Amino acid sequence: MAVFISLLRGINVSGQKIIKMTYLKNMFEELGYTNVITYLQSGNVIFETGNKESARLDDEISAQINKKFGFEVPVLVLSSIQLMNIVENNVYKDDNTKDPAFLHVTFLASRPKDFDFESIKNKRAKGEEITIKENAVYLYCPHGYGKTKLTNNFLETKLKVKATTRNWKTVTELAKY
C-alpha cells in the first residue's frame, strides 16, 4: 500500500464549502482508502491505497466530494515520495535569514509551461522571494501570506495550472507520514 497526501483547495474557508473532518474521513474510507488521517480543518488528508496514479486519485476524490457534499473542490494528490521531494527542494528551508513562519509552498497539479516569470516577479513586495520548480512554487512572504500579491489565484492564472498553497509548518507536518 502506498501513502498519499490529498490537498483539498478552498474548504472550510470563510464559512464556504464546509466539510467536517469526520465526514471527510468517512468519505475517504468509503472510497476504499485505508489508514485515513485528516490534518487540520483545511482539507489535508493522508491515506493509503493500492498502486494508483495520483492524477486518477485527484479526479476520484473530487468527484466523490461533489457527489457527497454537493460542490466542486479542486484536489491535488501527492505520493509521500513526491511530498518529500518537494520538501527537500525548497531553496529557502535552510536559509537562516528566513523565518520559517513566512515560508509557503504552492503545490502545482502539473508542470507550468509558457509563463512570464518577470511578470510574476514584478508582483513581489519588498523582501518577498519566489522560486518556481516543476511541481511547486516556493514563497517567502516576510509580511505575511495574507498581504502578498503572490496568491494562489494569481499563481494559478499566471502559470495556467491548478494549485493549492500551504504554509511550511503544515507541509513539514504532512511530510512526516
Foldseek 3Di string as FASTA:
>chain_A
DFKKKKAWPDEPPPPPNDDDVVNLQVLCVVVVWPPWDDDPRRGIIITDDPDDDQVVVQVVSQVSCCVPVVDGIGMGMDTLVRLVVVVVPQPCPPPPVADLQQKKKKFWNFFFPDFDVVVLVVQFDPPKDWDDDGTIIIIGDPVHPVPGPNDLVVCCVRRVTHIHMDRPVVSVVSSVD
